[in-house]
Amino acid sequence: MELAPGQKIKIEAYARLGRGTEHAKWNAATVSVLTKGGSPEDHVLTIETAGALSPAQIVLAGIDEITKRLEGFKQVISAL
């Protein structure tokens, strides 16, 4: 379908920031696999992204999130 000369389309869109813990559609990585490497000490992390973030950004954001949650847990334990 094409617009005739002089016709216009008006679009109104809304965006909401979400987290992968709320719904899978907000996960940055679609597949993450940890496999053993050539020796018992070696492991390979394979990350397939949805394209919004690079694998490095996903890993660093995950580390930041874990750090934040551990700090919160530490405060809860200290309050007991």
N, C-alpha and C. Protein backbone atom coordinates (compact mmCIF):
# COMPACT_ATOMS: atom_id res chain seq x y z
N MET A 1 0.85 -1.17 0.00
CA MET A 1 0.00 0.00 0.00
C MET A 1 0.90 1.24 0.00
N GLU A 2 0.55 2.22 -0.77
CA GLU A 2 1.32 3.45 -0.85
C GLU A 2 0.42 4.64 -0.55
N LEU A 3 1.05 5.71 -0.07
CA LEU A 3 0.31 6.94 0.18
C LEU A 3 0.19 7.71 -1.12
N ALA A 4 -0.95 8.31 -1.31
CA ALA A 4 -1.15 9.18 -2.47
C ALA A 4 -0.41 10.49 -2.23
N PRO A 5 -0.11 11.23 -3.26
CA PRO A 5 0.56 12.53 -3.07
C PRO A 5 -0.24 13.41 -2.12
N GLY A 6 0.45 13.99 -1.16
CA GLY A 6 -0.19 14.88 -0.19
C GLY A 6 -0.73 14.17 1.04
N GLN A 7 -0.81 12.85 1.03
CA GLN A 7 -1.28 12.11 2.20
C GLN A 7 -0.16 12.00 3.23
N LYS A 8 -0.57 11.92 4.48
CA LYS A 8 0.39 11.80 5.58
C LYS A 8 -0.07 10.72 6.54
N ILE A 9 0.86 10.22 7.30
CA ILE A 9 0.55 9.28 8.38
C ILE A 9 1.01 9.93 9.68
N LYS A 10 0.13 9.91 10.65
CA LYS A 10 0.48 10.41 11.98
C LYS A 10 0.61 9.21 12.90
N ILE A 11 1.75 9.10 13.56
CA ILE A 11 2.00 7.97 14.46
C ILE A 11 2.30 8.52 15.86
N GLU A 12 1.66 7.93 16.83
CA GLU A 12 1.93 8.26 18.22
C GLU A 12 2.39 6.97 18.89
N ALA A 13 3.58 7.01 19.49
CA ALA A 13 4.16 5.80 20.09
C ALA A 13 4.58 6.08 21.53
N TYR A 14 4.50 5.06 22.33
CA TYR A 14 4.91 5.15 23.73
C TYR A 14 5.95 4.07 23.99
N ALA A 15 6.95 4.40 24.78
CA ALA A 15 7.99 3.43 25.13
C ALA A 15 8.05 3.32 26.64
N ARG A 16 8.38 2.13 27.09
CA ARG A 16 8.52 1.90 28.52
C ARG A 16 9.79 1.12 28.74
N LEU A 17 10.63 1.61 29.63
CA LEU A 17 11.87 0.92 29.97
C LEU A 17 11.53 -0.27 30.85
N GLY A 18 12.01 -1.41 30.47
CA GLY A 18 11.73 -2.61 31.25
C GLY A 18 13.00 -3.37 31.55
N ARG A 19 12.87 -4.38 32.36
CA ARG A 19 14.00 -5.22 32.75
C ARG A 19 13.67 -6.67 32.40
N GLY A 20 14.71 -7.44 32.13
CA GLY A 20 14.52 -8.83 31.79
C GLY A 20 13.88 -9.64 32.91
N THR A 21 14.01 -9.17 34.14
CA THR A 21 13.38 -9.88 35.26
C THR A 21 11.87 -9.70 35.25
N GLU A 22 11.39 -8.64 34.56
CA GLU A 22 9.96 -8.41 34.48
C GLU A 22 9.33 -9.17 33.31
N HIS A 23 10.05 -9.24 32.18
CA HIS A 23 9.53 -9.93 31.01
C HIS A 23 10.69 -10.29 30.10
N ALA A 24 10.62 -11.44 29.48
CA ALA A 24 11.71 -11.93 28.63
C ALA A 24 11.99 -11.03 27.44
N LYS A 25 11.01 -10.25 26.99
CA LYS A 25 11.23 -9.40 25.83
C LYS A 25 12.26 -8.30 26.11
N TRP A 26 12.60 -8.05 27.38
CA TRP A 26 13.59 -7.04 27.71
C TRP A 26 14.98 -7.63 27.96
N ASN A 27 15.15 -8.91 27.73
CA ASN A 27 16.46 -9.51 27.88
C ASN A 27 17.37 -9.03 26.76
N ALA A 28 18.59 -8.64 27.11
CA ALA A 28 19.53 -8.17 26.10
C ALA A 28 20.17 -9.33 25.34
N ALA A 29 20.30 -10.46 25.98
CA ALA A 29 20.90 -11.62 25.33
C ALA A 29 19.82 -12.67 25.10
N THR A 30 19.83 -13.26 23.91
CA THR A 30 18.85 -14.28 23.63
C THR A 30 19.37 -15.65 24.02
N VAL A 31 20.70 -15.84 23.94
CA VAL A 31 21.30 -17.11 24.32
C VAL A 31 22.63 -16.83 25.02
N SER A 32 22.83 -17.44 26.16
CA SER A 32 24.11 -17.38 26.86
C SER A 32 24.46 -18.80 27.28
N VAL A 33 25.65 -19.27 26.89
CA VAL A 33 26.04 -20.64 27.17
C VAL A 33 27.46 -20.64 27.71
N LEU A 34 27.67 -21.35 28.80
CA LEU A 34 29.00 -21.54 29.36
C LEU A 34 29.40 -22.99 29.09
N THR A 35 30.47 -23.17 28.30
CA THR A 35 30.93 -24.52 27.97
C THR A 35 32.36 -24.70 28.43
N LYS A 36 32.76 -25.95 28.58
CA LYS A 36 34.12 -26.24 28.99
C LYS A 36 35.05 -26.05 27.80
N GLY A 37 36.25 -25.56 28.09
CA GLY A 37 37.25 -25.35 27.05
C GLY A 37 38.12 -26.59 26.90
N GLY A 38 39.32 -26.37 26.38
CA GLY A 38 40.25 -27.47 26.12
C GLY A 38 40.78 -28.14 27.38
N SER A 39 40.92 -27.38 28.46
CA SER A 39 41.41 -27.95 29.71
C SER A 39 40.36 -27.76 30.80
N PRO A 40 40.49 -28.48 31.92
CA PRO A 40 39.49 -28.37 32.98
C PRO A 40 39.33 -26.94 33.55
N GLU A 41 40.39 -26.13 33.44
CA GLU A 41 40.33 -24.76 33.97
C GLU A 41 39.71 -23.77 33.00
N ASP A 42 39.63 -24.15 31.72
CA ASP A 42 39.13 -23.23 30.69
C ASP A 42 37.62 -23.37 30.51
N HIS A 43 36.97 -22.23 30.38
CA HIS A 43 35.54 -22.19 30.07
C HIS A 43 35.32 -21.12 29.01
N VAL A 44 34.34 -21.32 28.16
CA VAL A 44 34.01 -20.39 27.09
C VAL A 44 32.58 -19.90 27.30
N LEU A 45 32.42 -18.58 27.37
CA LEU A 45 31.09 -17.97 27.50
C LEU A 45 30.68 -17.47 26.12
N THR A 46 29.61 -18.02 25.58
CA THR A 46 29.08 -17.61 24.29
C THR A 46 27.79 -16.82 24.53
N ILE A 47 27.73 -15.60 23.99
CA ILE A 47 26.56 -14.75 24.18
C ILE A 47 26.04 -14.36 22.80
N GLU A 48 24.77 -14.68 22.54
CA GLU A 48 24.11 -14.23 21.32
C GLU A 48 23.18 -13.10 21.71
N THR A 49 23.40 -11.93 21.16
CA THR A 49 22.63 -10.76 21.57
C THR A 49 21.44 -10.52 20.65
N ALA A 50 20.53 -9.70 21.13
CA ALA A 50 19.40 -9.27 20.31
C ALA A 50 19.80 -8.08 19.45
N GLY A 51 21.02 -7.59 19.61
CA GLY A 51 21.53 -6.51 18.78
C GLY A 51 21.55 -5.15 19.45
N ALA A 52 20.84 -4.98 20.54
CA ALA A 52 20.79 -3.67 21.20
C ALA A 52 22.08 -3.38 21.96
N LEU A 53 22.68 -4.41 22.53
CA LEU A 53 23.91 -4.26 23.29
C LEU A 53 24.95 -5.25 22.77
N SER A 54 26.21 -4.89 22.94
CA SER A 54 27.28 -5.81 22.57
C SER A 54 27.43 -6.85 23.69
N PRO A 55 28.04 -7.99 23.41
CA PRO A 55 28.25 -8.99 24.46
C PRO A 55 29.03 -8.42 25.65
N ALA A 56 30.03 -7.59 25.37
CA ALA A 56 30.80 -6.99 26.47
C ALA A 56 29.92 -6.11 27.35
N GLN A 57 29.04 -5.33 26.74
CA GLN A 57 28.13 -4.48 27.51
C GLN A 57 27.19 -5.32 28.37
N ILE A 58 26.74 -6.45 27.84
CA ILE A 58 25.84 -7.32 28.59
C ILE A 58 26.54 -7.89 29.82
N VAL A 59 27.76 -8.37 29.64
CA VAL A 59 28.51 -8.93 30.77
C VAL A 59 28.79 -7.86 31.81
N LEU A 60 29.23 -6.68 31.38
CA LEU A 60 29.51 -5.61 32.34
C LEU A 60 28.25 -5.14 33.07
N ALA A 61 27.13 -5.05 32.37
CA ALA A 61 25.88 -4.67 33.02
C ALA A 61 25.44 -5.74 34.01
N GLY A 62 25.67 -7.00 33.68
CA GLY A 62 25.35 -8.10 34.60
C GLY A 62 26.18 -8.02 35.86
N ILE A 63 27.46 -7.73 35.70
CA ILE A 63 28.35 -7.59 36.87
C ILE A 63 27.90 -6.42 37.74
N ASP A 64 27.55 -5.30 37.10
CA ASP A 64 27.04 -4.15 37.86
C ASP A 64 25.78 -4.49 38.63
N GLU A 65 24.87 -5.23 38.00
CA GLU A 65 23.61 -5.61 38.65
C GLU A 65 23.86 -6.54 39.83
N ILE A 66 24.74 -7.51 39.66
CA ILE A 66 25.07 -8.42 40.76
C ILE A 66 25.70 -7.65 41.92
N THR A 67 26.61 -6.72 41.60
CA THR A 67 27.25 -5.90 42.63
C THR A 67 26.21 -5.11 43.41
N LYS A 68 25.26 -4.50 42.69
CA LYS A 68 24.21 -3.71 43.33
C LYS A 68 23.34 -4.58 44.24
N ARG A 69 22.98 -5.76 43.76
CA ARG A 69 22.13 -6.65 44.56
C ARG A 69 22.87 -7.19 45.79
N LEU A 70 24.16 -7.46 45.63
CA LEU A 70 24.94 -7.93 46.78
C LEU A 70 25.08 -6.84 47.83
N GLU A 71 25.22 -5.58 47.39
CA GLU A 71 25.28 -4.47 48.35
C GLU A 71 23.96 -4.36 49.12
N GLY A 72 22.85 -4.50 48.43
CA GLY A 72 21.55 -4.48 49.10
C GLY A 72 21.40 -5.63 50.08
N PHE A 73 21.85 -6.80 49.68
CA PHE A 73 21.81 -7.97 50.56
C PHE A 73 22.69 -7.75 51.79
N LYS A 74 23.85 -7.18 51.57
CA LYS A 74 24.77 -6.89 52.67
C LYS A 74 24.14 -5.92 53.68
N GLN A 75 23.40 -4.94 53.19
CA GLN A 75 22.73 -3.98 54.09
C GLN A 75 21.62 -4.67 54.88
N VAL A 76 20.89 -5.57 54.24
CA VAL A 76 19.83 -6.29 54.94
C VAL A 76 20.42 -7.17 56.04
N ILE A 77 21.50 -7.87 55.73
CA ILE A 77 22.15 -8.74 56.72
C ILE A 77 22.71 -7.91 57.87
N SER A 78 23.29 -6.77 57.55
CA SER A 78 23.86 -5.90 58.61
C SER A 78 22.78 -5.38 59.54
N ALA A 79 21.58 -5.17 59.01
CA ALA A 79 20.48 -4.64 59.82
C ALA A 79 19.90 -5.68 60.76
N LEU A 80 20.19 -6.96 60.53
CA LEU A 80 19.62 -8.02 61.38
C LEU A 80 20.27 -8.09 62.71
